[in-house]
Amino acid sequence: MTYTNHDKAECAHREVGQRKRVYPRFVAGGQMTPAFAARQLELMTEIRNDYRRLAQADAAAATPSLDLQPATLEPPEWAYRAVDAYWTHQNEPLSGRLSNEFRRRMAFAVHAAILATPVTNTEAPGPADHGVQPGLAVDTCAPD
């Protein structure tokens, strides 16, 4: 079985608590010296802290960052064409009805939806693989 750094950090945290409760009794009963108890507790605390740092790094690496500059963040042209084709199909002309910012956000949404849709066949993905309805000018929705 594989354990994550988060799992290991939680386990080490429980162990630190256990040692804080048990070691004073061991020292009082003469089963452990105070120096040895303190060293073992410090060591387990460091192990816990190390795993916490690793778990935080894992979480940061798994979380997509949105720290991109707006000038470099632009949806592909085919996503804009898909938005235009959709609005044209709905008999709502784009001129004067959609702002450029709204079109841009819609294009991002189209791009994200297509990237998130799994391809279930072994052939090259096409519009049909992404749930594009027939009659929506699918040739304008295909990636460049």
C-alpha atoms as a PDB file:
ATOM      1  CA  MET A   1       0.000   0.000   0.000  1.00  0.00           C
ATOM      2  CA  THR A   2       1.190   3.506  -0.792  1.00  0.00           C
ATOM      3  CA  TYR A   3       0.875   6.255   1.790  1.00  0.00           C
ATOM      4  CA  THR A   4       0.931   9.947   0.974  1.00  0.00           C
ATOM      5  CA  ASN A   5       3.030  12.518   2.769  1.00  0.00           C
ATOM      6  CA  HIS A   6      -0.199  13.854   4.261  1.00  0.00           C
ATOM      7  CA  ASP A   7      -0.985  10.398   5.715  1.00  0.00           C
ATOM      8  CA  LYS A   8       2.524  10.177   7.145  1.00  0.00           C
ATOM      9  CA  ALA A   9       2.275  13.667   8.664  1.00  0.00           C
ATOM     10  CA  GLU A  10      -1.003  12.767  10.377  1.00  0.00           C
ATOM     11  CA  CYS A  11       0.470   9.547  11.744  1.00  0.00           C
ATOM     12  CA  ALA A  12       3.565  11.357  13.020  1.00  0.00           C
ATOM     13  CA  HIS A  13       1.314  13.970  14.639  1.00  0.00           C
ATOM     14  CA  ARG A  14      -0.561  11.237  16.515  1.00  0.00           C
ATOM     15  CA  GLU A  15       2.754   9.692  17.556  1.00  0.00           C
ATOM     16  CA  VAL A  16       3.983  13.019  18.963  1.00  0.00           C
ATOM     17  CA  GLY A  17       0.810  13.253  21.049  1.00  0.00           C
ATOM     18  CA  GLN A  18       1.220   9.673  22.242  1.00  0.00           C
ATOM     19  CA  ARG A  19       4.821  10.291  23.275  1.00  0.00           C
ATOM     20  CA  LYS A  20       3.846  13.450  25.152  1.00  0.00           C
ATOM     21  CA  ARG A  21       1.343  11.408  27.176  1.00  0.00           C
ATOM     22  CA  VAL A  22       3.425   8.260  27.741  1.00  0.00           C
ATOM     23  CA  TYR A  23       7.036   9.404  28.127  1.00  0.00           C
ATOM     24  CA  PRO A  24       6.522  11.250  31.434  1.00  0.00           C
ATOM     25  CA  ARG A  25       5.292   7.971  32.954  1.00  0.00           C
ATOM     26  CA  PHE A  26       8.297   6.109  31.528  1.00  0.00           C
ATOM     27  CA  VAL A  27      10.655   8.700  32.987  1.00  0.00           C
ATOM     28  CA  ALA A  28       8.863   8.601  36.369  1.00  0.00           C
ATOM     29  CA  GLY A  29       9.017   4.785  36.401  1.00  0.00           C
ATOM     30  CA  GLY A  30      12.727   4.763  35.586  1.00  0.00           C
ATOM     31  CA  GLN A  31      12.243   3.035  32.212  1.00  0.00           C
ATOM     32  CA  MET A  32      13.635   6.030  30.294  1.00  0.00           C
ATOM     33  CA  THR A  33      15.998   8.879  31.075  1.00  0.00           C
ATOM     34  CA  PRO A  34      14.683  12.444  30.717  1.00  0.00           C
ATOM     35  CA  ALA A  35      17.359  13.240  28.112  1.00  0.00           C
ATOM     36  CA  PHE A  36      16.437  10.208  25.984  1.00  0.00           C
ATOM     37  CA  ALA A  37      12.700  11.019  26.240  1.00  0.00           C
ATOM     38  CA  ALA A  38      13.286  14.631  25.225  1.00  0.00           C
ATOM     39  CA  ARG A  39      15.477  13.600  22.277  1.00  0.00           C
ATOM     40  CA  GLN A  40      12.947  11.047  21.005  1.00  0.00           C
ATOM     41  CA  LEU A  41      10.098  13.539  21.291  1.00  0.00           C
ATOM     42  CA  GLU A  42      12.098  16.205  19.439  1.00  0.00           C
ATOM     43  CA  LEU A  43      13.037  13.702  16.751  1.00  0.00           C
ATOM     44  CA  MET A  44       9.423  12.647  16.141  1.00  0.00           C
ATOM     45  CA  THR A  45       8.356  16.302  16.119  1.00  0.00           C
ATOM     46  CA  GLU A  46      10.942  17.004  13.394  1.00  0.00           C
ATOM     47  CA  ILE A  47       9.730  13.987  11.397  1.00  0.00           C
ATOM     48  CA  ARG A  48       6.155  15.294  11.672  1.00  0.00           C
ATOM     49  CA  ASN A  49       7.238  18.773  10.544  1.00  0.00           C
ATOM     50  CA  ASP A  50       9.190  17.322   7.599  1.00  0.00           C
ATOM     51  CA  TYR A  51       6.161  15.355   6.409  1.00  0.00           C
ATOM     52  CA  ARG A  52       3.932  18.409   6.846  1.00  0.00           C
ATOM     53  CA  ARG A  53       6.255  20.442   4.611  1.00  0.00           C
ATOM     54  CA  LEU A  54       6.291  17.643   2.028  1.00  0.00           C
ATOM     55  CA  ALA A  55       2.483  17.377   2.158  1.00  0.00           C
ATOM     56  CA  GLN A  56       2.155  21.143   1.655  1.00  0.00           C
ATOM     57  CA  ALA A  57       4.533  20.972  -1.318  1.00  0.00           C
ATOM     58  CA  ASP A  58       2.504  18.086  -2.773  1.00  0.00           C
ATOM     59  CA  ALA A  59      -0.702  20.073  -2.375  1.00  0.00           C
ATOM     60  CA  ALA A  60       0.861  23.154  -3.975  1.00  0.00           C
ATOM     61  CA  ALA A  61       2.132  21.097  -6.918  1.00  0.00           C
ATOM     62  CA  ALA A  62      -1.290  19.517  -7.431  1.00  0.00           C
ATOM     63  CA  THR A  63      -3.124  22.855  -7.368  1.00  0.00           C
ATOM     64  CA  PRO A  64      -3.153  24.640 -10.707  1.00  0.00           C
ATOM     65  CA  SER A  65      -1.785  28.123 -10.509  1.00  0.00           C
ATOM     66  CA  LEU A  66      -3.598  31.096 -12.014  1.00  0.00           C
ATOM     67  CA  ASP A  67      -0.598  33.380 -11.662  1.00  0.00           C
ATOM     68  CA  LEU A  68      -0.293  33.902 -15.434  1.00  0.00           C
ATOM     69  CA  GLN A  69      -0.020  37.334 -16.938  1.00  0.00           C
ATOM     70  CA  PRO A  70      -3.230  38.358 -18.731  1.00  0.00           C
ATOM     71  CA  ALA A  71      -1.314  39.074 -21.939  1.00  0.00           C
ATOM     72  CA  THR A  72      -0.092  35.461 -22.131  1.00  0.00           C
ATOM     73  CA  LEU A  73      -3.429  33.912 -21.173  1.00  0.00           C
ATOM     74  CA  GLU A  74      -5.588  33.638 -24.255  1.00  0.00           C
ATOM     75  CA  PRO A  75      -7.910  30.856 -25.440  1.00  0.00           C
ATOM     76  CA  PRO A  76      -7.165  29.293 -28.828  1.00  0.00           C
ATOM     77  CA  GLU A  77      -8.787  30.754 -31.919  1.00  0.00           C
ATOM     78  CA  TRP A  78     -10.878  27.630 -32.538  1.00  0.00           C
ATOM     79  CA  ALA A  79     -12.595  28.186 -29.154  1.00  0.00           C
ATOM     80  CA  TYR A  80     -13.653  31.657 -30.293  1.00  0.00           C
ATOM     81  CA  ARG A  81     -15.022  30.149 -33.494  1.00  0.00           C
ATOM     82  CA  ALA A  82     -16.965  27.577 -31.464  1.00  0.00           C
ATOM     83  CA  VAL A  83     -18.543  30.375 -29.385  1.00  0.00           C
ATOM     84  CA  ASP A  84     -19.421  32.313 -32.548  1.00  0.00           C
ATOM     85  CA  ALA A  85     -20.891  29.188 -34.177  1.00  0.00           C
ATOM     86  CA  TYR A  86     -23.003  28.454 -31.112  1.00  0.00           C
ATOM     87  CA  TRP A  87     -24.438  31.970 -30.896  1.00  0.00           C
ATOM     88  CA  THR A  88     -25.067  32.049 -34.646  1.00  0.00           C
ATOM     89  CA  HIS A  89     -26.849  28.681 -34.392  1.00  0.00           C
ATOM     90  CA  GLN A  90     -29.063  30.097 -31.642  1.00  0.00           C
ATOM     91  CA  ASN A  91     -30.112  32.888 -34.084  1.00  0.00           C
ATOM     92  CA  GLU A  92     -28.533  35.557 -31.934  1.00  0.00           C
ATOM     93  CA  PRO A  93     -26.017  37.541 -33.954  1.00  0.00           C
ATOM     94  CA  LEU A  94     -22.852  38.435 -32.139  1.00  0.00           C
ATOM     95  CA  SER A  95     -22.604  42.000 -33.335  1.00  0.00           C
ATOM     96  CA  GLY A  96     -23.538  44.343 -30.550  1.00  0.00           C
ATOM     97  CA  ARG A  97     -24.749  41.551 -28.256  1.00  0.00           C
ATOM     98  CA  LEU A  98     -21.556  40.131 -26.732  1.00  0.00           C
ATOM     99  CA  SER A  99     -18.640  42.086 -25.394  1.00  0.00           C
ATOM    100  CA  ASN A 100     -15.136  40.945 -26.283  1.00  0.00           C
ATOM    101  CA  GLU A 101     -14.522  40.051 -22.635  1.00  0.00           C
ATOM    102  CA  PHE A 102     -17.639  37.854 -22.550  1.00  0.00           C
ATOM    103  CA  ARG A 103     -16.603  36.129 -25.797  1.00  0.00           C
ATOM    104  CA  ARG A 104     -13.146  35.573 -24.289  1.00  0.00           C
ATOM    105  CA  ARG A 105     -14.614  34.030 -21.125  1.00  0.00           C
ATOM    106  CA  MET A 106     -16.921  31.820 -23.174  1.00  0.00           C
ATOM    107  CA  ALA A 107     -13.952  30.702 -25.289  1.00  0.00           C
ATOM    108  CA  PHE A 108     -12.063  29.775 -22.103  1.00  0.00           C
ATOM    109  CA  ALA A 109     -15.050  27.738 -20.960  1.00  0.00           C
ATOM    110  CA  VAL A 110     -15.290  25.929 -24.306  1.00  0.00           C
ATOM    111  CA  HIS A 111     -11.569  25.211 -24.290  1.00  0.00           C
ATOM    112  CA  ALA A 112     -11.657  23.896 -20.697  1.00  0.00           C
ATOM    113  CA  ALA A 113     -14.698  21.723 -21.379  1.00  0.00           C
ATOM    114  CA  ILE A 114     -13.121  20.134 -24.420  1.00  0.00           C
ATOM    115  CA  LEU A 115      -9.839  19.515 -22.611  1.00  0.00           C
ATOM    116  CA  ALA A 116     -11.716  17.908 -19.702  1.00  0.00           C
ATOM    117  CA  THR A 117     -13.791  15.583 -21.915  1.00  0.00           C
ATOM    118  CA  PRO A 118     -12.247  12.106 -22.115  1.00  0.00           C
ATOM    119  CA  VAL A 119     -11.716  10.628 -25.566  1.00  0.00           C
ATOM    120  CA  THR A 120     -13.184   7.125 -25.583  1.00  0.00           C
ATOM    121  CA  ASN A 121     -11.894   5.834 -28.902  1.00  0.00           C
ATOM    122  CA  THR A 122      -8.395   5.256 -30.231  1.00  0.00           C
ATOM    123  CA  GLU A 123      -8.830   7.435 -33.302  1.00  0.00           C
ATOM    124  CA  ALA A 124      -7.905  11.094 -33.427  1.00  0.00           C
ATOM    125  CA  PRO A 125     -10.437  13.158 -31.453  1.00  0.00           C
ATOM    126  CA  GLY A 126     -12.936  15.123 -33.452  1.00  0.00           C
ATOM    127  CA  PRO A 127     -15.969  17.278 -32.727  1.00  0.00           C
ATOM    128  CA  ALA A 128     -18.185  14.204 -32.180  1.00  0.00           C
ATOM    129  CA  ASP A 129     -15.879  13.074 -29.366  1.00  0.00           C
ATOM    130  CA  HIS A 130     -16.591  16.284 -27.505  1.00  0.00           C
ATOM    131  CA  GLY A 131     -20.372  16.236 -27.590  1.00  0.00           C
ATOM    132  CA  VAL A 132     -20.793  18.835 -30.342  1.00  0.00           C
ATOM    133  CA  GLN A 133     -24.345  18.634 -31.655  1.00  0.00           C
ATOM    134  CA  PRO A 134     -24.919  18.010 -35.365  1.00  0.00           C
ATOM    135  CA  GLY A 135     -25.795  21.135 -37.275  1.00  0.00           C
ATOM    136  CA  LEU A 136     -23.649  23.439 -35.151  1.00  0.00           C
ATOM    137  CA  ALA A 137     -21.177  24.104 -37.949  1.00  0.00           C
ATOM    138  CA  VAL A 138     -18.815  21.503 -36.500  1.00  0.00           C
ATOM    139  CA  ASP A 139     -16.119  22.266 -39.029  1.00  0.00           C
ATOM    140  CA  THR A 140     -15.625  25.636 -37.290  1.00  0.00           C
ATOM    141  CA  CYS A 141     -15.326  23.948 -33.875  1.00  0.00           C
ATOM    142  CA  ALA A 142     -12.395  21.677 -34.699  1.00  0.00           C
ATOM    143  CA  PRO A 143      -8.974  22.679 -33.357  1.00  0.00           C
ATOM    144  CA  ASP A 144      -6.536  24.303 -35.780  1.00  0.00           C
END
